[in-house]
Amino acid sequence: QPWVASLPRARNGMLVGPGLLFNRFVSGVVLD
């Protein structure tokens, strides 16, 4: 949704979604 200001990303800018290796997805979410 457009009101999601930021999501977890790697240094190359790629989104890192929720998964079994990276398990702090919500901690990287920024909402407007």
Full PDB file with SEQRES, HELIX, SHEET, SSBOND, CRYST1, ORIGX, SCALE, CONECT and MASTER records, all heavy atoms in Angstrom:
SEQRES   1 A   32  GLN PRO TRP VAL ALA SER LEU PRO ARG ALA ARG ASN GLY          
SEQRES   2 A   32  MET LEU VAL GLY PRO GLY LEU LEU PHE ASN ARG PHE VAL          
SEQRES   3 A   32  SER GLY VAL VAL LEU ASP                                      
HELIX    1 AA1 VAL A   26  GLY A   28  5                                   3    
SHEET    1 AA1 2 VAL A   4  SER A   6  0                                        
SHEET    2 AA1 2 VAL A  30  LEU A  31 -1                                        
CRYST1    1.000    1.000    1.000  90.00  90.00  90.00 P 1           1          
ORIGX1      1.000000  0.000000  0.000000        0.00000                         
ORIGX2      0.000000  1.000000  0.000000        0.00000                         
ORIGX3      0.000000  0.000000  1.000000        0.00000                         
SCALE1      1.000000  0.000000  0.000000        0.00000                         
SCALE2      0.000000  1.000000  0.000000        0.00000                         
SCALE3      0.000000  0.000000  1.000000        0.00000                         
ATOM      1  N   GLN A   1       0.831  -1.205   0.000  1.00  0.00           N  
ATOM      2  CA  GLN A   1       0.000   0.000   0.000  1.00  0.00           C  
ATOM      3  C   GLN A   1       0.871   1.263   0.000  1.00  0.00           C  
ATOM      4  O   GLN A   1       1.995   1.253   0.496  1.00  0.00           O  
ATOM      5  CB  GLN A   1      -0.919   0.016   1.226  1.00  0.00           C  
ATOM      6  CG  GLN A   1      -1.886  -1.155   1.311  1.00  0.00           C  
ATOM      7  CD  GLN A   1      -3.025  -1.073   0.298  1.00  0.00           C  
ATOM      8  OE1 GLN A   1      -3.003  -0.260  -0.618  1.00  0.00           O  
ATOM      9  NE2 GLN A   1      -4.027  -1.932   0.457  1.00  0.00           N  
ATOM     10  N   PRO A   2       0.364   2.355  -0.580  1.00  0.00           N  
ATOM     11  CA  PRO A   2       1.179   3.575  -0.711  1.00  0.00           C  
ATOM     12  C   PRO A   2       1.542   4.218   0.615  1.00  0.00           C  
ATOM     13  O   PRO A   2       2.470   5.025   0.664  1.00  0.00           O  
ATOM     14  CB  PRO A   2       0.296   4.497  -1.567  1.00  0.00           C  
ATOM     15  CG  PRO A   2      -1.087   3.958  -1.454  1.00  0.00           C  
ATOM     16  CD  PRO A   2      -0.951   2.484  -1.253  1.00  0.00           C  
ATOM     17  N   TRP A   3       0.839   3.898   1.701  1.00  0.00           N  
ATOM     18  CA  TRP A   3       1.172   4.515   2.985  1.00  0.00           C  
ATOM     19  C   TRP A   3       2.295   3.779   3.718  1.00  0.00           C  
ATOM     20  O   TRP A   3       2.671   4.175   4.810  1.00  0.00           O  
ATOM     21  CB  TRP A   3      -0.068   4.611   3.871  1.00  0.00           C  
ATOM     22  CG  TRP A   3      -0.807   3.327   4.059  1.00  0.00           C  
ATOM     23  CD1 TRP A   3      -0.471   2.291   4.857  1.00  0.00           C  
ATOM     24  CD2 TRP A   3      -2.016   2.958   3.411  1.00  0.00           C  
ATOM     25  NE1 TRP A   3      -1.389   1.281   4.772  1.00  0.00           N  
ATOM     26  CE2 TRP A   3      -2.363   1.666   3.889  1.00  0.00           C  
ATOM     27  CE3 TRP A   3      -2.863   3.585   2.487  1.00  0.00           C  
ATOM     28  CZ2 TRP A   3      -3.513   0.998   3.451  1.00  0.00           C  
ATOM     29  CZ3 TRP A   3      -3.999   2.911   2.067  1.00  0.00           C  
ATOM     30  CH2 TRP A   3      -4.307   1.642   2.541  1.00  0.00           C  
ATOM     31  N   VAL A   4       2.805   2.701   3.135  1.00  0.00           N  
ATOM     32  CA  VAL A   4       3.990   2.048   3.704  1.00  0.00           C  
ATOM     33  C   VAL A   4       5.211   2.825   3.228  1.00  0.00           C  
ATOM     34  O   VAL A   4       5.568   2.781   2.050  1.00  0.00           O  
ATOM     35  CB  VAL A   4       4.072   0.568   3.291  1.00  0.00           C  
ATOM     36  CG1 VAL A   4       5.329  -0.070   3.853  1.00  0.00           C  
ATOM     37  CG2 VAL A   4       2.833  -0.188   3.766  1.00  0.00           C  
ATOM     38  N   ALA A   5       5.843   3.549   4.143  1.00  0.00           N  
ATOM     39  CA  ALA A   5       6.927   4.452   3.761  1.00  0.00           C  
ATOM     40  C   ALA A   5       8.238   3.726   3.530  1.00  0.00           C  
ATOM     41  O   ALA A   5       9.071   4.173   2.736  1.00  0.00           O  
ATOM     42  CB  ALA A   5       7.105   5.528   4.842  1.00  0.00           C  
ATOM     43  N   SER A   6       8.462   2.618   4.229  1.00  0.00           N  
ATOM     44  CA  SER A   6       9.743   1.927   4.098  1.00  0.00           C  
ATOM     45  C   SER A   6       9.586   0.468   4.479  1.00  0.00           C  
ATOM     46  O   SER A   6       8.760   0.111   5.330  1.00  0.00           O  
ATOM     47  CB  SER A   6      10.800   2.588   4.992  1.00  0.00           C  
ATOM     48  OG  SER A   6      12.061   1.954   4.852  1.00  0.00           O  
ATOM     49  N   LEU A   7      10.390  -0.386   3.833  1.00  0.00           N  
ATOM     50  CA  LEU A   7      10.422  -1.814   4.110  1.00  0.00           C  
ATOM     51  C   LEU A   7      11.878  -2.249   4.243  1.00  0.00           C  
ATOM     52  O   LEU A   7      12.788  -1.554   3.769  1.00  0.00           O  
ATOM     53  CB  LEU A   7       9.750  -2.594   2.975  1.00  0.00           C  
ATOM     54  CG  LEU A   7       8.233  -2.435   2.830  1.00  0.00           C  
ATOM     55  CD1 LEU A   7       7.775  -3.014   1.494  1.00  0.00           C  
ATOM     56  CD2 LEU A   7       7.496  -3.103   3.981  1.00  0.00           C  
ATOM     57  N   PRO A   8      12.143  -3.385   4.878  1.00  0.00           N  
ATOM     58  CA  PRO A   8      13.530  -3.842   5.018  1.00  0.00           C  
ATOM     59  C   PRO A   8      14.184  -4.086   3.660  1.00  0.00           C  
ATOM     60  O   PRO A   8      13.601  -4.754   2.804  1.00  0.00           O  
ATOM     61  CB  PRO A   8      13.396  -5.150   5.807  1.00  0.00           C  
ATOM     62  CG  PRO A   8      12.068  -5.079   6.474  1.00  0.00           C  
ATOM     63  CD  PRO A   8      11.193  -4.289   5.550  1.00  0.00           C  
ATOM     64  N   ARG A   9      15.382  -3.564   3.489  1.00  0.00           N  
ATOM     65  CA  ARG A   9      16.097  -3.720   2.216  1.00  0.00           C  
ATOM     66  C   ARG A   9      17.562  -4.027   2.472  1.00  0.00           C  
ATOM     67  O   ARG A   9      18.143  -3.574   3.451  1.00  0.00           O  
ATOM     68  CB  ARG A   9      15.976  -2.452   1.364  1.00  0.00           C  
ATOM     69  CG  ARG A   9      14.543  -2.146   0.955  1.00  0.00           C  
ATOM     70  CD  ARG A   9      14.459  -0.978  -0.026  1.00  0.00           C  
ATOM     71  NE  ARG A   9      13.073  -0.655  -0.283  1.00  0.00           N  
ATOM     72  CZ  ARG A   9      12.292  -1.302  -1.161  1.00  0.00           C  
ATOM     73  NH1 ARG A   9      12.803  -2.290  -1.871  1.00  0.00           N  
ATOM     74  NH2 ARG A   9      11.037  -0.952  -1.331  1.00  0.00           N  
ATOM     75  N   ALA A  10      18.129  -4.791   1.542  1.00  0.00           N  
ATOM     76  CA  ALA A  10      19.559  -5.047   1.573  1.00  0.00           C  
ATOM     77  C   ALA A  10      20.303  -3.837   1.020  1.00  0.00           C  
ATOM     78  O   ALA A  10      19.700  -2.883   0.528  1.00  0.00           O  
ATOM     79  CB  ALA A  10      19.881  -6.302   0.757  1.00  0.00           C  
ATOM     80  N   ARG A  11      21.614  -3.873   1.098  1.00  0.00           N  
ATOM     81  CA  ARG A  11      22.417  -2.743   0.623  1.00  0.00           C  
ATOM     82  C   ARG A  11      22.212  -2.475  -0.861  1.00  0.00           C  
ATOM     83  O   ARG A  11      22.356  -1.344  -1.316  1.00  0.00           O  
ATOM     84  CB  ARG A  11      23.910  -3.009   0.887  1.00  0.00           C  
ATOM     85  CG  ARG A  11      24.283  -3.051   2.361  1.00  0.00           C  
ATOM     86  CD  ARG A  11      25.780  -3.171   2.552  1.00  0.00           C  
ATOM     87  NE  ARG A  11      26.110  -3.377   3.948  1.00  0.00           N  
ATOM     88  CZ  ARG A  11      26.300  -4.558   4.508  1.00  0.00           C  
ATOM     89  NH1 ARG A  11      26.175  -5.662   3.771  1.00  0.00           N  
ATOM     90  NH2 ARG A  11      26.606  -4.661   5.785  1.00  0.00           N  
ATOM     91  N   ASN A  12      21.890  -3.516  -1.618  1.00  0.00           N  
ATOM     92  CA  ASN A  12      21.666  -3.332  -3.052  1.00  0.00           C  
ATOM     93  C   ASN A  12      20.284  -2.787  -3.370  1.00  0.00           C  
ATOM     94  O   ASN A  12      19.910  -2.669  -4.529  1.00  0.00           O  
ATOM     95  CB  ASN A  12      21.910  -4.642  -3.803  1.00  0.00           C  
ATOM     96  CG  ASN A  12      20.958  -5.757  -3.369  1.00  0.00           C  
ATOM     97  OD1 ASN A  12      20.028  -5.537  -2.599  1.00  0.00           O  
ATOM     98  ND2 ASN A  12      21.196  -6.955  -3.880  1.00  0.00           N  
ATOM     99  N   GLY A  13      19.487  -2.460  -2.323  1.00  0.00           N  
ATOM    100  CA  GLY A  13      18.158  -1.899  -2.519  1.00  0.00           C  
ATOM    101  C   GLY A  13      17.060  -2.920  -2.652  1.00  0.00           C  
ATOM    102  O   GLY A  13      15.881  -2.555  -2.719  1.00  0.00           O  
ATOM    103  N   MET A  14      17.409  -4.207  -2.687  1.00  0.00           N  
ATOM    104  CA  MET A  14      16.410  -5.254  -2.874  1.00  0.00           C  
ATOM    105  C   MET A  14      15.601  -5.467  -1.593  1.00  0.00           C  
ATOM    106  O   MET A  14      16.142  -5.498  -0.490  1.00  0.00           O  
ATOM    107  CB  MET A  14      17.092  -6.561  -3.261  1.00  0.00           C  
ATOM    108  CG  MET A  14      16.137  -7.711  -3.551  1.00  0.00           C  
ATOM    109  SD  MET A  14      17.019  -9.260  -3.894  1.00  0.00           S  
ATOM    110  CE  MET A  14      17.655  -9.657  -2.256  1.00  0.00           C  
ATOM    111  N   LEU A  15      14.292  -5.606  -1.769  1.00  0.00           N  
ATOM    112  CA  LEU A  15      13.423  -5.937  -0.648  1.00  0.00           C  
ATOM    113  C   LEU A  15      13.810  -7.300  -0.078  1.00  0.00           C  
ATOM    114  O   LEU A  15      14.061  -8.243  -0.814  1.00  0.00           O  
ATOM    115  CB  LEU A  15      11.964  -5.971  -1.107  1.00  0.00           C  
ATOM    116  CG  LEU A  15      10.944  -6.523  -0.101  1.00  0.00           C  
ATOM    117  CD1 LEU A  15      10.765  -5.561   1.059  1.00  0.00           C  
ATOM    118  CD2 LEU A  15       9.615  -6.806  -0.790  1.00  0.00           C  
ATOM    119  N   VAL A  16      13.853  -7.389   1.241  1.00  0.00           N  
ATOM    120  CA  VAL A  16      14.056  -8.664   1.920  1.00  0.00           C  
ATOM    121  C   VAL A  16      12.759  -8.972   2.660  1.00  0.00           C  
ATOM    122  O   VAL A  16      12.437  -8.335   3.664  1.00  0.00           O  
ATOM    123  CB  VAL A  16      15.242  -8.618   2.895  1.00  0.00           C  
ATOM    124  CG1 VAL A  16      15.445  -9.978   3.550  1.00  0.00           C  
ATOM    125  CG2 VAL A  16      16.507  -8.189   2.161  1.00  0.00           C  
ATOM    126  N   GLY A  17      11.990  -9.906   2.127  1.00  0.00           N  
ATOM    127  CA  GLY A  17      10.681 -10.207   2.678  1.00  0.00           C  
ATOM    128  C   GLY A  17      10.745 -11.103   3.893  1.00  0.00           C  
ATOM    129  O   GLY A  17      11.821 -11.578   4.289  1.00  0.00           O  
ATOM    130  N   PRO A  18       9.605 -11.347   4.529  1.00  0.00           N  
ATOM    131  CA  PRO A  18       9.572 -12.230   5.698  1.00  0.00           C  
ATOM    132  C   PRO A  18       9.960 -13.640   5.309  1.00  0.00           C  
ATOM    133  O   PRO A  18       9.577 -14.142   4.250  1.00  0.00           O  
ATOM    134  CB  PRO A  18       8.116 -12.142   6.161  1.00  0.00           C  
ATOM    135  CG  PRO A  18       7.349 -11.686   4.959  1.00  0.00           C  
ATOM    136  CD  PRO A  18       8.274 -10.833   4.168  1.00  0.00           C  
ATOM    137  N   GLY A  19      10.740 -14.292   6.170  1.00  0.00           N  
ATOM    138  CA  GLY A  19      11.189 -15.639   5.849  1.00  0.00           C  
ATOM    139  C   GLY A  19      11.824 -16.311   7.038  1.00  0.00           C  
ATOM    140  O   GLY A  19      11.779 -15.809   8.164  1.00  0.00           O  
ATOM    141  N   LEU A  20      12.464 -17.446   6.796  1.00  0.00           N  
ATOM    142  CA  LEU A  20      13.054 -18.232   7.871  1.00  0.00           C  
ATOM    143  C   LEU A  20      14.477 -17.804   8.195  1.00  0.00           C  
ATOM    144  O   LEU A  20      15.005 -18.173   9.244  1.00  0.00           O  
ATOM    145  CB  LEU A  20      13.037 -19.721   7.496  1.00  0.00           C  
ATOM    146  CG  LEU A  20      11.644 -20.342   7.367  1.00  0.00           C  
ATOM    147  CD1 LEU A  20      11.747 -21.798   6.939  1.00  0.00           C  
ATOM    148  CD2 LEU A  20      10.875 -20.234   8.681  1.00  0.00           C  
ATOM    149  N   LEU A  21      15.117 -17.061   7.317  1.00  0.00           N  
ATOM    150  CA  LEU A  21      16.463 -16.569   7.604  1.00  0.00           C  
ATOM    151  C   LEU A  21      16.410 -15.164   8.189  1.00  0.00           C  
ATOM    152  O   LEU A  21      16.979 -14.893   9.244  1.00  0.00           O  
ATOM    153  CB  LEU A  21      17.334 -16.599   6.345  1.00  0.00           C  
ATOM    154  CG  LEU A  21      17.515 -17.968   5.679  1.00  0.00           C  
ATOM    155  CD1 LEU A  21      18.591 -17.896   4.607  1.00  0.00           C  
ATOM    156  CD2 LEU A  21      17.856 -19.052   6.700  1.00  0.00           C  
ATOM    157  N   PHE A  22      15.728 -14.262   7.515  1.00  0.00           N  
ATOM    158  CA  PHE A  22      15.522 -12.915   8.050  1.00  0.00           C  
ATOM    159  C   PHE A  22      14.168 -12.890   8.740  1.00  0.00           C  
ATOM    160  O   PHE A  22      13.129 -12.974   8.092  1.00  0.00           O  
ATOM    161  CB  PHE A  22      15.582 -11.878   6.929  1.00  0.00           C  
ATOM    162  CG  PHE A  22      15.275 -10.476   7.392  1.00  0.00           C  
ATOM    163  CD1 PHE A  22      16.053  -9.862   8.347  1.00  0.00           C  
ATOM    164  CD2 PHE A  22      14.189  -9.787   6.880  1.00  0.00           C  
ATOM    165  CE1 PHE A  22      15.773  -8.571   8.781  1.00  0.00           C  
ATOM    166  CE2 PHE A  22      13.896  -8.502   7.300  1.00  0.00           C  
ATOM    167  CZ  PHE A  22      14.697  -7.891   8.263  1.00  0.00           C  
ATOM    168  N   ASN A  23      14.173 -12.803  10.067  1.00  0.00           N  
ATOM    169  CA  ASN A  23      12.924 -12.926  10.814  1.00  0.00           C  
ATOM    170  C   ASN A  23      12.559 -11.667  11.585  1.00  0.00           C  
ATOM    171  O   ASN A  23      11.802 -11.730  12.553  1.00  0.00           O  
ATOM    172  CB  ASN A  23      12.982 -14.130  11.762  1.00  0.00           C  
ATOM    173  CG  ASN A  23      14.225 -14.135  12.642  1.00  0.00           C  
ATOM    174  OD1 ASN A  23      14.643 -13.100  13.144  1.00  0.00           O  
ATOM    175  ND2 ASN A  23      14.823 -15.310  12.822  1.00  0.00           N  
ATOM    176  N   ARG A  24      13.081 -10.518  11.157  1.00  0.00           N  
ATOM    177  CA  ARG A  24      12.730  -9.252  11.783  1.00  0.00           C  
ATOM    178  C   ARG A  24      12.141  -8.291  10.755  1.00  0.00           C  
ATOM    179  O   ARG A  24      12.456  -7.113  10.710  1.00  0.00           O  
ATOM    180  CB  ARG A  24      13.946  -8.628  12.477  1.00  0.00           C  
ATOM    181  CG  ARG A  24      14.322  -9.322  13.767  1.00  0.00           C  
ATOM    182  CD  ARG A  24      13.261  -9.117  14.833  1.00  0.00           C  
ATOM    183  NE  ARG A  24      13.494  -9.903  16.032  1.00  0.00           N  
ATOM    184  CZ  ARG A  24      12.970 -11.098  16.259  1.00  0.00           C  
ATOM    185  NH1 ARG A  24      12.166 -11.650  15.360  1.00  0.00           N  
ATOM    186  NH2 ARG A  24      13.216 -11.748  17.364  1.00  0.00           N  
ATOM    187  N   PHE A  25      11.268  -8.833   9.903  1.00  0.00           N  
ATOM    188  CA  PHE A  25      10.684  -8.043   8.827  1.00  0.00           C  
ATOM    189  C   PHE A  25       9.882  -6.863   9.374  1.00  0.00           C  
ATOM    190  O   PHE A  25      10.050  -5.721   8.923  1.00  0.00           O  
ATOM    191  CB  PHE A  25       9.787  -8.936   7.965  1.00  0.00           C  
ATOM    192  CG  PHE A  25       9.091  -8.209   6.856  1.00  0.00           C  
ATOM    193  CD1 PHE A  25       9.767  -7.846   5.712  1.00  0.00           C  
ATOM    194  CD2 PHE A  25       7.743  -7.878   6.955  1.00  0.00           C  
ATOM    195  CE1 PHE A  25       9.132  -7.163   4.684  1.00  0.00           C  
ATOM    196  CE2 PHE A  25       7.102  -7.206   5.950  1.00  0.00           C  
ATOM    197  CZ  PHE A  25       7.794  -6.841   4.808  1.00  0.00           C  
ATOM    198  N   VAL A  26       9.019  -7.103  10.351  1.00  0.00           N  
ATOM    199  CA  VAL A  26       8.152  -6.036  10.860  1.00  0.00           C  
ATOM    200  C   VAL A  26       8.974  -4.922  11.499  1.00  0.00           C  
ATOM    201  O   VAL A  26       8.596  -3.754  11.451  1.00  0.00           O  
ATOM    202  CB  VAL A  26       7.136  -6.617  11.858  1.00  0.00           C  
ATOM    203  CG1 VAL A  26       6.252  -5.519  12.450  1.00  0.00           C  
ATOM    204  CG2 VAL A  26       6.255  -7.652  11.167  1.00  0.00           C  
ATOM    205  N   SER A  27      10.111  -5.285  12.060  1.00  0.00           N  
ATOM    206  CA  SER A  27      10.958  -4.275  12.693  1.00  0.00           C  
ATOM    207  C   SER A  27      11.513  -3.273  11.687  1.00  0.00           C  
ATOM    208  O   SER A  27      11.929  -2.173  12.077  1.00  0.00           O  
ATOM    209  CB  SER A  27      12.112  -4.957  13.438  1.00  0.00           C  
ATOM    210  OG  SER A  27      11.610  -5.820  14.442  1.00  0.00           O  
ATOM    211  N   GLY A  28      11.529  -3.638  10.415  1.00  0.00           N  
ATOM    212  CA  GLY A  28      12.016  -2.726   9.389  1.00  0.00           C  
ATOM    213  C   GLY A  28      10.927  -1.972   8.656  1.00  0.00           C  
ATOM    214  O   GLY A  28      11.201  -1.256   7.694  1.00  0.00           O  
ATOM    215  N   VAL A  29       9.672  -2.133   9.092  1.00  0.00           N  
ATOM    216  CA  VAL A  29       8.540  -1.474   8.439  1.00  0.00           C  
ATOM    217  C   VAL A  29       8.351  -0.075   9.025  1.00  0.00           C  
ATOM    218  O   VAL A  29       8.338   0.105  10.244  1.00  0.00           O  
ATOM    219  CB  VAL A  29       7.252  -2.294   8.615  1.00  0.00           C  
ATOM    220  CG1 VAL A  29       6.042  -1.517   8.109  1.00  0.00           C  
ATOM    221  CG2 VAL A  29       7.372  -3.629   7.882  1.00  0.00           C  
ATOM    222  N   VAL A  30       8.196   0.909   8.144  1.00  0.00           N  
ATOM    223  CA  VAL A  30       7.883   2.278   8.561  1.00  0.00           C  
ATOM    224  C   VAL A  30       6.584   2.676   7.871  1.00  0.00           C  
ATOM    225  O   VAL A  30       6.470   2.570   6.640  1.00  0.00           O  
ATOM    226  CB  VAL A  30       9.007   3.267   8.199  1.00  0.00           C  
ATOM    227  CG1 VAL A  30       8.615   4.693   8.588  1.00  0.00           C  
ATOM    228  CG2 VAL A  30      10.306   2.874   8.893  1.00  0.00           C  
ATOM    229  N   LEU A  31       5.615   3.105   8.655  1.00  0.00           N  
ATOM    230  CA  LEU A  31       4.328   3.531   8.116  1.00  0.00           C  
ATOM    231  C   LEU A  31       4.201   5.043   8.209  1.00  0.00           C  
ATOM    232  O   LEU A  31       4.750   5.672   9.113  1.00  0.00           O  
ATOM    233  CB  LEU A  31       3.182   2.878   8.903  1.00  0.00           C  
ATOM    234  CG  LEU A  31       3.156   1.349   8.928  1.00  0.00           C  
ATOM    235  CD1 LEU A  31       2.072   0.866   9.875  1.00  0.00           C  
ATOM    236  CD2 LEU A  31       2.922   0.798   7.529  1.00  0.00           C  
ATOM    237  N   ASP A  32       3.482   5.613   7.261  1.00  0.00           N  
ATOM    238  CA  ASP A  32       3.184   7.044   7.294  1.00  0.00           C  
ATOM    239  C   ASP A  32       2.126   7.271   8.368  1.00  0.00           C  
ATOM    240  O   ASP A  32       0.966   6.894   8.218  1.00  0.00           O  
ATOM    241  CB  ASP A  32       2.667   7.499   5.926  1.00  0.00           C  
ATOM    242  CG  ASP A  32       2.519   9.014   5.840  1.00  0.00           C  
ATOM    243  OD1 ASP A  32       2.293   9.651   6.888  1.00  0.00           O  
ATOM    244  OD2 ASP A  32       2.609   9.538   4.725  1.00  0.00           O  
TER     245      ASP A  32                                                      
MASTER        0    0    0    1    2    0    0    6  244    1    0    3          
END                                                                             
